[in-house]
PDB file of N, CA and C in Angstrom:
ATOM      1  N   MET A   1     -13.588  17.034   0.635  1.00  0.00           N
ATOM      2  CA  MET A   1     -13.513  17.174  -0.545  1.00  0.00           C
ATOM      3  C   MET A   1     -13.373  15.700  -0.590  1.00  0.00           C
ATOM      4  N   THR A   2     -13.764  14.781  -1.875  1.00  0.00           N
ATOM      5  CA  THR A   2     -13.665  13.313  -2.077  1.00  0.00           C
ATOM      6  C   THR A   2     -12.154  13.643  -2.778  1.00  0.00           C
ATOM      7  N   LEU A   3     -11.693  12.621  -2.492  1.00  0.00           N
ATOM      8  CA  LEU A   3     -10.312  11.893  -3.006  1.00  0.00           C
ATOM      9  C   LEU A   3     -10.400  11.237  -4.455  1.00  0.00           C
ATOM     10  N   HIS A   4     -10.090  11.127  -5.760  1.00  0.00           N
ATOM     11  CA  HIS A   4     -10.333  10.451  -6.438  1.00  0.00           C
ATOM     12  C   HIS A   4      -9.361   9.728  -7.273  1.00  0.00           C
ATOM     13  N   LEU A   5      -9.040   8.699  -6.799  1.00  0.00           N
ATOM     14  CA  LEU A   5      -7.808   7.222  -5.991  1.00  0.00           C
ATOM     15  C   LEU A   5      -8.110   6.513  -7.844  1.00  0.00           C
ATOM     16  N   PRO A   6      -7.161   6.143  -8.207  1.00  0.00           N
ATOM     17  CA  PRO A   6      -7.277   5.070  -9.533  1.00  0.00           C
ATOM     18  C   PRO A   6      -7.613   3.761  -9.082  1.00  0.00           C
ATOM     19  N   GLU A   7      -8.562   3.235 -10.088  1.00  0.00           N
ATOM     20  CA  GLU A   7      -9.357   1.398  -9.324  1.00  0.00           C
ATOM     21  C   GLU A   7      -8.431   0.558  -8.566  1.00  0.00           C
ATOM     22  N   PRO A   8      -7.185   0.406  -9.030  1.00  0.00           N
ATOM     23  CA  PRO A   8      -6.308  -0.489  -8.330  1.00  0.00           C
ATOM     24  C   PRO A   8      -5.779   0.212  -6.948  1.00  0.00           C
ATOM     25  N   VAL A   9      -5.745   1.805  -6.630  1.00  0.00           N
ATOM     26  CA  VAL A   9      -5.408   2.137  -5.848  1.00  0.00           C
ATOM     27  C   VAL A   9      -5.900   1.971  -5.023  1.00  0.00           C
ATOM     28  N   THR A  10      -7.613   2.114  -4.875  1.00  0.00           N
ATOM     29  CA  THR A  10      -8.335   1.915  -4.301  1.00  0.00           C
ATOM     30  C   THR A  10      -8.715   0.865  -4.090  1.00  0.00           C
ATOM     31  N   ALA A  11      -8.546  -0.110  -4.683  1.00  0.00           N
ATOM     32  CA  ALA A  11      -8.752  -1.391  -4.393  1.00  0.00           C
ATOM     33  C   ALA A  11      -7.556  -2.150  -3.679  1.00  0.00           C
ATOM     34  N   TYR A  12      -6.327  -1.971  -3.134  1.00  0.00           N
ATOM     35  CA  TYR A  12      -5.564  -1.906  -2.232  1.00  0.00           C
ATOM     36  C   TYR A  12      -5.825  -2.032  -0.961  1.00  0.00           C
ATOM     37  N   PHE A  13      -6.451  -0.037  -0.824  1.00  0.00           N
ATOM     38  CA  PHE A  13      -6.395  -0.008   0.701  1.00  0.00           C
ATOM     39  C   PHE A  13      -7.687  -0.002   0.682  1.00  0.00           C
ATOM     40  N   GLN A  14      -8.608  -0.245  -0.031  1.00  0.00           N
ATOM     41  CA  GLN A  14     -10.459  -1.374   0.280  1.00  0.00           C
ATOM     42  C   GLN A  14      -9.862  -3.017   0.670  1.00  0.00           C
ATOM     43  N   ALA A  15      -8.531  -3.882   0.349  1.00  0.00           N
ATOM     44  CA  ALA A  15      -8.001  -5.092   0.877  1.00  0.00           C
ATOM     45  C   ALA A  15      -7.391  -4.961   1.819  1.00  0.00           C
ATOM     46  N   ASP A  16      -6.401  -3.659   2.338  1.00  0.00           N
ATOM     47  CA  ASP A  16      -5.762  -3.870   3.578  1.00  0.00           C
ATOM     48  C   ASP A  16      -6.812  -3.810   4.585  1.00  0.00           C
ATOM     49  N   LYS A  17      -7.674  -3.514   4.776  1.00  0.00           N
ATOM     50  CA  LYS A  17      -9.302  -2.990   5.664  1.00  0.00           C
ATOM     51  C   LYS A  17      -9.112  -5.448   5.682  1.00  0.00           C
ATOM     52  N   ALA A  18      -8.900  -5.702   4.404  1.00  0.00           N
ATOM     53  CA  ALA A  18      -9.591  -7.093   4.633  1.00  0.00           C
ATOM     54  C   ALA A  18      -7.698  -8.250   5.327  1.00  0.00           C
ATOM     55  N   ASP A  19      -7.829  -8.629   4.564  1.00  0.00           N
ATOM     56  CA  ASP A  19      -6.407  -9.533   4.739  1.00  0.00           C
ATOM     57  C   ASP A  19      -5.867  -9.540   3.770  1.00  0.00           C
ATOM     58  N   SER A  20      -5.097 -11.064   4.390  1.00  0.00           N
ATOM     59  CA  SER A  20      -3.265 -10.772   3.362  1.00  0.00           C
ATOM     60  C   SER A  20      -3.794 -11.440   1.729  1.00  0.00           C
ATOM     61  N   GLU A  21      -4.571 -12.888   1.550  1.00  0.00           N
ATOM     62  CA  GLU A  21      -4.897 -12.829   0.543  1.00  0.00           C
ATOM     63  C   GLU A  21      -5.256 -12.256  -0.479  1.00  0.00           C
ATOM     64  N   THR A  22      -6.136 -10.721   0.111  1.00  0.00           N
ATOM     65  CA  THR A  22      -7.245  -9.780  -0.970  1.00  0.00           C
ATOM     66  C   THR A  22      -5.457  -8.829  -1.326  1.00  0.00           C
ATOM     67  N   VAL A  23      -5.128  -8.722  -0.194  1.00  0.00           N
ATOM     68  CA  VAL A  23      -4.022  -7.111  -1.060  1.00  0.00           C
ATOM     69  C   VAL A  23      -3.394  -7.844  -2.046  1.00  0.00           C
ATOM     70  N   ALA A  24      -2.932  -9.455  -1.728  1.00  0.00           N
ATOM     71  CA  ALA A  24      -1.661  -9.610  -2.822  1.00  0.00           C
ATOM     72  C   ALA A  24      -3.349 -10.320  -4.176  1.00  0.00           C
ATOM     73  N   ARG A  25      -3.240 -10.111  -4.564  1.00  0.00           N
ATOM     74  CA  ARG A  25      -4.642 -10.063  -5.314  1.00  0.00           C
ATOM     75  C   ARG A  25      -4.555  -8.533  -6.078  1.00  0.00           C
ATOM     76  N   CYS A  26      -4.934  -7.839  -5.778  1.00  0.00           N
ATOM     77  CA  CYS A  26      -4.334  -6.514  -6.188  1.00  0.00           C
ATOM     78  C   CYS A  26      -3.260  -5.905  -6.825  1.00  0.00           C
ATOM     79  N   PHE A  27      -2.093  -7.220  -6.824  1.00  0.00           N
ATOM     80  CA  PHE A  27      -1.145  -6.626  -7.528  1.00  0.00           C
ATOM     81  C   PHE A  27      -0.362  -7.626  -8.557  1.00  0.00           C
ATOM     82  N   THR A  28       0.186  -7.250  -9.068  1.00  0.00           N
ATOM     83  CA  THR A  28       1.424  -8.615 -10.666  1.00  0.00           C
ATOM     84  C   THR A  28       0.952  -9.554 -10.364  1.00  0.00           C
ATOM     85  N   ASP A  29       1.464 -10.495 -11.588  1.00  0.00           N
ATOM     86  CA  ASP A  29       1.849 -11.661 -10.422  1.00  0.00           C
ATOM     87  C   ASP A  29       3.729 -11.508  -9.795  1.00  0.00           C
ATOM     88  N   ASP A  30       4.819 -10.029 -11.143  1.00  0.00           N
ATOM     89  CA  ASP A  30       5.814 -10.310 -10.574  1.00  0.00           C
ATOM     90  C   ASP A  30       6.398  -8.868  -9.488  1.00  0.00           C
ATOM     91  N   ALA A  31       5.192  -8.098  -9.523  1.00  0.00           N
ATOM     92  CA  ALA A  31       5.583  -7.704  -8.458  1.00  0.00           C
ATOM     93  C   ALA A  31       6.092  -6.940  -7.219  1.00  0.00           C
ATOM     94  N   VAL A  32       6.527  -6.037  -6.641  1.00  0.00           N
ATOM     95  CA  VAL A  32       7.699  -5.982  -5.209  1.00  0.00           C
ATOM     96  C   VAL A  32       6.342  -4.473  -5.218  1.00  0.00           C
ATOM     97  N   VAL A  33       7.069  -5.093  -3.762  1.00  0.00           N
ATOM     98  CA  VAL A  33       6.632  -3.673  -2.372  1.00  0.00           C
ATOM     99  C   VAL A  33       7.229  -3.813  -1.691  1.00  0.00           C
ATOM    100  N   LYS A  34       8.282  -2.364  -1.551  1.00  0.00           N
ATOM    101  CA  LYS A  34       9.647  -2.077  -0.145  1.00  0.00           C
ATOM    102  C   LYS A  34       8.613  -1.243   0.894  1.00  0.00           C
ATOM    103  N   ASP A  35       8.915  -1.117   1.865  1.00  0.00           N
ATOM    104  CA  ASP A  35       8.461  -1.095   2.539  1.00  0.00           C
ATOM    105  C   ASP A  35       8.925  -1.527   4.751  1.00  0.00           C
ATOM    106  N   GLU A  36       9.969  -0.964   4.345  1.00  0.00           N
ATOM    107  CA  GLU A  36      10.298  -0.813   6.500  1.00  0.00           C
ATOM    108  C   GLU A  36      11.719  -1.550   5.823  1.00  0.00           C
ATOM    109  N   GLY A  37      11.847  -1.049   4.450  1.00  0.00           N
ATOM    110  CA  GLY A  37      13.832  -0.805   4.820  1.00  0.00           C
ATOM    111  C   GLY A  37      14.016  -2.079   3.797  1.00  0.00           C
ATOM    112  N   HIS A  38      12.759  -3.485   3.554  1.00  0.00           N
ATOM    113  CA  HIS A  38      13.130  -4.639   2.782  1.00  0.00           C
ATOM    114  C   HIS A  38      12.464  -4.471   1.977  1.00  0.00           C
ATOM    115  N   ALA A  39      12.330  -5.621   0.322  1.00  0.00           N
ATOM    116  CA  ALA A  39      11.908  -5.765  -0.264  1.00  0.00           C
ATOM    117  C   ALA A  39      11.330  -7.646  -1.288  1.00  0.00           C
ATOM    118  N   TYR A  40      10.235  -6.843  -1.333  1.00  0.00           N
ATOM    119  CA  TYR A  40       8.511  -7.583  -1.032  1.00  0.00           C
ATOM    120  C   TYR A  40       9.183  -8.595  -2.189  1.00  0.00           C
ATOM    121  N   HIS A  41       8.953  -9.727  -3.512  1.00  0.00           N
ATOM    122  CA  HIS A  41       9.299  -9.728  -4.496  1.00  0.00           C
ATOM    123  C   HIS A  41       7.840 -10.832  -5.265  1.00  0.00           C
ATOM    124  N   GLY A  42       6.698 -10.434  -5.891  1.00  0.00           N
ATOM    125  CA  GLY A  42       6.111 -11.685  -5.934  1.00  0.00           C
ATOM    126  C   GLY A  42       4.591 -11.944  -5.539  1.00  0.00           C
ATOM    127  N   ARG A  43       3.621 -12.738  -5.636  1.00  0.00           N
ATOM    128  CA  ARG A  43       2.269 -12.651  -5.606  1.00  0.00           C
ATOM    129  C   ARG A  43       2.589 -13.280  -3.472  1.00  0.00           C
ATOM    130  N   VAL A  44       3.495 -13.920  -3.888  1.00  0.00           N
ATOM    131  CA  VAL A  44       3.473 -15.251  -2.406  1.00  0.00           C
ATOM    132  C   VAL A  44       4.410 -14.108  -1.279  1.00  0.00           C
ATOM    133  N   ALA A  45       5.578 -13.164  -1.981  1.00  0.00           N
ATOM    134  CA  ALA A  45       5.752 -12.559  -0.480  1.00  0.00           C
ATOM    135  C   ALA A  45       5.435 -11.480   0.196  1.00  0.00           C
ATOM    136  N   ILE A  46       3.895 -10.655  -1.107  1.00  0.00           N
ATOM    137  CA  ILE A  46       3.538  -9.625  -1.203  1.00  0.00           C
ATOM    138  C   ILE A  46       2.818 -10.577   0.640  1.00  0.00           C
ATOM    139  N   LYS A  47       2.407 -11.517   0.302  1.00  0.00           N
ATOM    140  CA  LYS A  47       0.980 -11.639   1.141  1.00  0.00           C
ATOM    141  C   LYS A  47       1.808 -12.134   2.210  1.00  0.00           C
ATOM    142  N   LYS A  48       2.374 -12.861   2.208  1.00  0.00           N
ATOM    143  CA  LYS A  48       3.459 -12.743   3.822  1.00  0.00           C
ATOM    144  C   LYS A  48       3.560 -11.385   4.499  1.00  0.00           C
ATOM    145  N   TRP A  49       4.379 -10.708   4.213  1.00  0.00           N
ATOM    146  CA  TRP A  49       4.537  -9.321   4.327  1.00  0.00           C
ATOM    147  C   TRP A  49       3.218  -8.945   4.631  1.00  0.00           C
ATOM    148  N   LYS A  50       2.276  -9.012   3.920  1.00  0.00           N
ATOM    149  CA  LYS A  50       0.594  -8.174   5.352  1.00  0.00           C
ATOM    150  C   LYS A  50       0.497  -8.759   5.788  1.00  0.00           C
ATOM    151  N   GLU A  51       0.190 -10.333   5.785  1.00  0.00           N
ATOM    152  CA  GLU A  51       0.091 -10.727   7.911  1.00  0.00           C
ATOM    153  C   GLU A  51       1.328 -10.798   8.596  1.00  0.00           C
ATOM    154  N   GLU A  52       2.061 -10.435   8.149  1.00  0.00           N
ATOM    155  CA  GLU A  52       3.596 -10.102   9.022  1.00  0.00           C
ATOM    156  C   GLU A  52       2.636  -9.198   9.995  1.00  0.00           C
ATOM    157  N   THR A  53       2.918  -7.835   9.308  1.00  0.00           N
ATOM    158  CA  THR A  53       2.095  -6.810   8.935  1.00  0.00           C
ATOM    159  C   THR A  53       1.368  -6.193   9.726  1.00  0.00           C
ATOM    160  N   SER A  54      -0.232  -6.935  10.091  1.00  0.00           N
ATOM    161  CA  SER A  54      -0.739  -6.542  10.579  1.00  0.00           C
ATOM    162  C   SER A  54      -0.842  -7.632  12.536  1.00  0.00           C
ATOM    163  N   ALA A  55      -0.030  -8.773  11.683  1.00  0.00           N
ATOM    164  CA  ALA A  55       0.083  -9.878  13.414  1.00  0.00           C
ATOM    165  C   ALA A  55       0.937  -8.574  14.008  1.00  0.00           C
ATOM    166  N   LYS A  56       1.439  -7.609  13.593  1.00  0.00           N
ATOM    167  CA  LYS A  56       2.712  -6.509  14.293  1.00  0.00           C
ATOM    168  C   LYS A  56       1.995  -5.480  14.931  1.00  0.00           C
ATOM    169  N   TYR A  57       1.060  -5.280  13.699  1.00  0.00           N
ATOM    170  CA  TYR A  57       0.645  -3.433  14.461  1.00  0.00           C
ATOM    171  C   TYR A  57      -1.008  -3.108  13.739  1.00  0.00           C
ATOM    172  N   VAL A  58      -1.547  -2.863  14.209  1.00  0.00           N
ATOM    173  CA  VAL A  58      -2.622  -1.759  13.786  1.00  0.00           C
ATOM    174  C   VAL A  58      -2.992  -0.915  14.123  1.00  0.00           C
ATOM    175  N   TYR A  59      -3.489  -0.819  12.404  1.00  0.00           N
ATOM    176  CA  TYR A  59      -3.482   0.650  12.045  1.00  0.00           C
ATOM    177  C   TYR A  59      -4.117   0.841  11.326  1.00  0.00           C
ATOM    178  N   THR A  60      -5.445   2.407  11.077  1.00  0.00           N
ATOM    179  CA  THR A  60      -6.254   3.029  10.401  1.00  0.00           C
ATOM    180  C   THR A  60      -5.689   3.595   9.087  1.00  0.00           C
ATOM    181  N   CYS A  61      -5.438   3.311   7.909  1.00  0.00           N
ATOM    182  CA  CYS A  61      -5.062   3.757   6.895  1.00  0.00           C
ATOM    183  C   CYS A  61      -6.185   4.926   6.268  1.00  0.00           C
ATOM    184  N   GLU A  62      -5.835   6.379   6.002  1.00  0.00           N
ATOM    185  CA  GLU A  62      -6.375   7.767   5.626  1.00  0.00           C
ATOM    186  C   GLU A  62      -6.000   8.042   4.612  1.00  0.00           C
ATOM    187  N   PRO A  63      -5.938   7.350   3.096  1.00  0.00           N
ATOM    188  CA  PRO A  63      -5.974   8.425   2.289  1.00  0.00           C
ATOM    189  C   PRO A  63      -5.979   9.687   2.272  1.00  0.00           C
ATOM    190  N   LEU A  64      -5.198  11.337   2.182  1.00  0.00           N
ATOM    191  CA  LEU A  64      -5.420  12.663   1.834  1.00  0.00           C
ATOM    192  C   LEU A  64      -5.401  13.674   0.873  1.00  0.00           C
ATOM    193  N   LYS A  65      -4.297  12.766   0.227  1.00  0.00           N
ATOM    194  CA  LYS A  65      -3.816  13.408  -0.817  1.00  0.00           C
ATOM    195  C   LYS A  65      -3.721  12.415  -2.441  1.00  0.00           C
ATOM    196  N   CYS A  66      -3.391  12.588  -3.663  1.00  0.00           N
ATOM    197  CA  CYS A  66      -3.359  11.708  -4.646  1.00  0.00           C
ATOM    198  C   CYS A  66      -2.888  12.571  -5.854  1.00  0.00           C
ATOM    199  N   GLU A  67      -1.227  12.312  -5.906  1.00  0.00           N
ATOM    200  CA  GLU A  67      -0.775  12.880  -7.256  1.00  0.00           C
ATOM    201  C   GLU A  67      -0.410  12.446  -8.284  1.00  0.00           C
ATOM    202  N   SER A  68       0.257  12.787  -9.338  1.00  0.00           N
ATOM    203  CA  SER A  68       0.907  12.568 -10.249  1.00  0.00           C
ATOM    204  C   SER A  68       2.552  12.825 -10.080  1.00  0.00           C
ATOM    205  N   GLN A  69       3.875  11.752 -10.260  1.00  0.00           N
ATOM    206  CA  GLN A  69       5.292  11.925 -10.414  1.00  0.00           C
ATOM    207  C   GLN A  69       5.131  10.764 -10.888  1.00  0.00           C
ATOM    208  N   ASP A  70       6.870  11.601 -11.545  1.00  0.00           N
ATOM    209  CA  ASP A  70       7.879  10.678 -12.647  1.00  0.00           C
ATOM    210  C   ASP A  70       7.258   9.279 -13.325  1.00  0.00           C
ATOM    211  N   GLY A  71       5.508   9.393 -13.633  1.00  0.00           N
ATOM    212  CA  GLY A  71       4.690   8.245 -14.156  1.00  0.00           C
ATOM    213  C   GLY A  71       3.879   6.798 -12.849  1.00  0.00           C
ATOM    214  N   LYS A  72       4.265   7.043 -11.083  1.00  0.00           N
ATOM    215  CA  LYS A  72       3.766   7.105 -10.780  1.00  0.00           C
ATOM    216  C   LYS A  72       2.548   7.505  -9.692  1.00  0.00           C
ATOM    217  N   VAL A  73       1.342   6.643  -9.037  1.00  0.00           N
ATOM    218  CA  VAL A  73       0.634   7.310  -8.843  1.00  0.00           C
ATOM    219  C   VAL A  73       1.210   7.047  -6.639  1.00  0.00           C
ATOM    220  N   VAL A  74       1.206   8.539  -6.455  1.00  0.00           N
ATOM    221  CA  VAL A  74       1.620   9.284  -5.258  1.00  0.00           C
ATOM    222  C   VAL A  74       0.462   9.590  -4.017  1.00  0.00           C
ATOM    223  N   VAL A  75       0.689   8.655  -3.125  1.00  0.00           N
ATOM    224  CA  VAL A  75      -1.180   8.815  -2.192  1.00  0.00           C
ATOM    225  C   VAL A  75      -0.659   9.450  -1.286  1.00  0.00           C
ATOM    226  N   THR A  76      -0.269  10.663  -0.373  1.00  0.00           N
ATOM    227  CA  THR A  76       0.193  10.760   1.119  1.00  0.00           C
ATOM    228  C   THR A  76      -1.380  10.400   1.427  1.00  0.00           C
ATOM    229  N   CYS A  77      -0.984   9.177   2.966  1.00  0.00           N
ATOM    230  CA  CYS A  77      -2.015   8.769   3.603  1.00  0.00           C
ATOM    231  C   CYS A  77      -1.280   9.478   5.312  1.00  0.00           C
ATOM    232  N   ARG A  78      -2.400   9.453   6.734  1.00  0.00           N
ATOM    233  CA  ARG A  78      -2.500   9.776   7.838  1.00  0.00           C
ATOM    234  C   ARG A  78      -2.984   7.763   7.998  1.00  0.00           C
ATOM    235  N   LEU A  79      -1.443   7.165   8.649  1.00  0.00           N
ATOM    236  CA  LEU A  79      -2.006   6.035   9.454  1.00  0.00           C
ATOM    237  C   LEU A  79      -1.620   6.609  10.167  1.00  0.00           C
ATOM    238  N   ASP A  80      -2.627   5.721  11.497  1.00  0.00           N
ATOM    239  CA  ASP A  80      -2.892   6.054  13.064  1.00  0.00           C
ATOM    240  C   ASP A  80      -3.158   4.591  14.053  1.00  0.00           C
ATOM    241  N   GLY A  81      -1.639   4.526  14.551  1.00  0.00           N
ATOM    242  CA  GLY A  81      -2.007   3.073  15.048  1.00  0.00           C
ATOM    243  C   GLY A  81      -1.228   2.707  16.519  1.00  0.00           C
ATOM    244  N   ASN A  82      -0.891   0.955  16.319  1.00  0.00           N
ATOM    245  CA  ASN A  82       0.521   0.703  17.450  1.00  0.00           C
ATOM    246  C   ASN A  82       1.814   0.399  16.835  1.00  0.00           C
ATOM    247  N   PHE A  83       1.892   1.156  16.439  1.00  0.00           N
ATOM    248  CA  PHE A  83       3.481   2.270  15.747  1.00  0.00           C
ATOM    249  C   PHE A  83       4.605   2.648  16.081  1.00  0.00           C
ATOM    250  N   PRO A  84       5.495   2.544  16.241  1.00  0.00           N
ATOM    251  CA  PRO A  84       6.186   4.013  16.928  1.00  0.00           C
ATOM    252  C   PRO A  84       6.053   4.557  15.583  1.00  0.00           C
ATOM    253  N   GLY A  85       6.284   5.608  16.234  1.00  0.00           N
ATOM    254  CA  GLY A  85       5.490   7.705  15.614  1.00  0.00           C
ATOM    255  C   GLY A  85       4.656   7.290  14.862  1.00  0.00           C
ATOM    256  N   SER A  86       3.853   6.915  15.761  1.00  0.00           N
ATOM    257  CA  SER A  86       2.075   6.910  15.412  1.00  0.00           C
ATOM    258  C   SER A  86       1.137   8.033  16.065  1.00  0.00           C
ATOM    259  N   PRO A  87      -0.005   9.046  15.473  1.00  0.00           N
ATOM    260  CA  PRO A  87       0.108   8.937  13.638  1.00  0.00           C
ATOM    261  C   PRO A  87       1.404   9.500  12.900  1.00  0.00           C
ATOM    262  N   ALA A  88       1.222   9.239  11.871  1.00  0.00           N
ATOM    263  CA  ALA A  88       2.379   9.268  10.748  1.00  0.00           C
ATOM    264  C   ALA A  88       2.265   9.632  10.141  1.00  0.00           C
ATOM    265  N   ASP A  89       2.463  10.409   8.547  1.00  0.00           N
ATOM    266  CA  ASP A  89       1.489  10.749   7.395  1.00  0.00           C
ATOM    267  C   ASP A  89       3.097   9.884   6.376  1.00  0.00           C
ATOM    268  N   LEU A  90       2.108   8.886   5.188  1.00  0.00           N
ATOM    269  CA  LEU A  90       3.368   7.901   4.765  1.00  0.00           C
ATOM    270  C   LEU A  90       2.183   8.580   3.525  1.00  0.00           C
ATOM    271  N   ARG A  91       3.345   8.027   2.326  1.00  0.00           N
ATOM    272  CA  ARG A  91       3.477   8.092   1.120  1.00  0.00           C
ATOM    273  C   ARG A  91       4.018   7.084   0.232  1.00  0.00           C
ATOM    274  N   PHE A  92       2.734   6.553  -0.715  1.00  0.00           N
ATOM    275  CA  PHE A  92       3.142   5.438  -1.140  1.00  0.00           C
ATOM    276  C   PHE A  92       2.866   6.327  -2.671  1.00  0.00           C
ATOM    277  N   PHE A  93       4.160   5.430  -3.209  1.00  0.00           N
ATOM    278  CA  PHE A  93       4.425   5.238  -4.171  1.00  0.00           C
ATOM    279  C   PHE A  93       3.675   4.097  -4.674  1.00  0.00           C
ATOM    280  N   PHE A  94       3.178   4.319  -6.269  1.00  0.00           N
ATOM    281  CA  PHE A  94       2.345   3.196  -6.578  1.00  0.00           C
ATOM    282  C   PHE A  94       2.791   3.283  -8.360  1.00  0.00           C
ATOM    283  N   GLU A  95       3.009   1.945  -9.049  1.00  0.00           N
ATOM    284  CA  GLU A  95       3.293   2.014 -10.626  1.00  0.00           C
ATOM    285  C   GLU A  95       1.889   1.014 -11.002  1.00  0.00           C
ATOM    286  N   LEU A  96       1.792   1.135 -11.987  1.00  0.00           N
ATOM    287  CA  LEU A  96       0.046   0.586 -11.659  1.00  0.00           C
ATOM    288  C   LEU A  96       0.932   0.179 -13.872  1.00  0.00           C
ATOM    289  N   THR A  97       0.675  -0.985 -13.365  1.00  0.00           N
ATOM    290  CA  THR A  97       0.033  -1.592 -14.663  1.00  0.00           C
ATOM    291  C   THR A  97      -1.598  -2.385 -14.846  1.00  0.00           C
ATOM    292  N   GLY A  98      -2.027  -1.853 -16.008  1.00  0.00           N
ATOM    293  CA  GLY A  98      -3.665  -2.145 -16.408  1.00  0.00           C
ATOM    294  C   GLY A  98      -4.527  -1.589 -14.927  1.00  0.00           C
ATOM    295  N   GLU A  99      -5.204  -2.944 -14.603  1.00  0.00           N
ATOM    296  CA  GLU A  99      -5.664  -2.703 -13.407  1.00  0.00           C
ATOM    297  C   GLU A  99      -5.749  -3.362 -12.285  1.00  0.00           C
ATOM    298  N   GLN A 100      -3.736  -3.720 -12.329  1.00  0.00           N
ATOM    299  CA  GLN A 100      -2.909  -4.431 -10.958  1.00  0.00           C
ATOM    300  C   GLN A 100      -1.682  -3.446  -9.900  1.00  0.00           C
ATOM    301  N   ILE A 101      -1.177  -3.395  -8.985  1.00  0.00           N
ATOM    302  CA  ILE A 101      -0.190  -2.935  -9.033  1.00  0.00           C
ATOM    303  C   ILE A 101       0.150  -3.523  -9.316  1.00  0.00           C
ATOM    304  N   ALA A 102       2.080  -3.233 -10.422  1.00  0.00           N
ATOM    305  CA  ALA A 102       3.470  -3.513 -10.920  1.00  0.00           C
ATOM    306  C   ALA A 102       4.630  -3.380  -9.585  1.00  0.00           C
ATOM    307  N   SER A 103       4.242  -1.714  -9.063  1.00  0.00           N
ATOM    308  CA  SER A 103       5.078  -1.737  -7.577  1.00  0.00           C
ATOM    309  C   SER A 103       4.651  -0.407  -6.908  1.00  0.00           C
ATOM    310  N   LEU A 104       4.891  -0.897  -5.622  1.00  0.00           N
ATOM    311  CA  LEU A 104       4.035   0.045  -3.901  1.00  0.00           C
ATOM    312  C   LEU A 104       5.992   0.277  -3.125  1.00  0.00           C
ATOM    313  N   GLU A 105       5.776   1.259  -3.415  1.00  0.00           N
ATOM    314  CA  GLU A 105       7.234   1.530  -2.513  1.00  0.00           C
ATOM    315  C   GLU A 105       5.999   2.271  -1.756  1.00  0.00           C
ATOM    316  N   ILE A 106       6.586   2.163   0.007  1.00  0.00           N
ATOM    317  CA  ILE A 106       5.865   2.598   1.103  1.00  0.00           C
ATOM    318  C   ILE A 106       7.433   3.501   2.253  1.00  0.00           C
ATOM    319  N   ILE A 107       7.339   5.177   2.038  1.00  0.00           N
ATOM    320  CA  ILE A 107       7.908   5.453   2.720  1.00  0.00           C
ATOM    321  C   ILE A 107       7.531   7.032   3.677  1.00  0.00           C
ATOM    322  N   PRO A 108       8.261   7.164   4.247  1.00  0.00           N
ATOM    323  CA  PRO A 108       8.220   8.058   6.060  1.00  0.00           C
ATOM    324  C   PRO A 108       8.148   9.520   5.287  1.00  0.00           C
TER     325      PRO A 108
END
């Protein structure tokens, strides 16, 4: 079964396989990412977050389920890699503005 994701979400997961600059371009200028108890505000901080995460962990991310919840796109993904608790199913809560991501919160 094919999973149908909104274009900005598809772009994010494709960029996640590339580099931090490509990931940062998926977001609005004033976007916020919340991950592992930290918040990253703006593209510069989001780029740094992605750089640090990529240096720390090697992982694959497979989107399994997509649904709408309280105006957000919620994607459940299976992450497998060299991080504690791997593999793990995580939920990605995306808030979209046009064709970009305004916020992303990643929750175990």
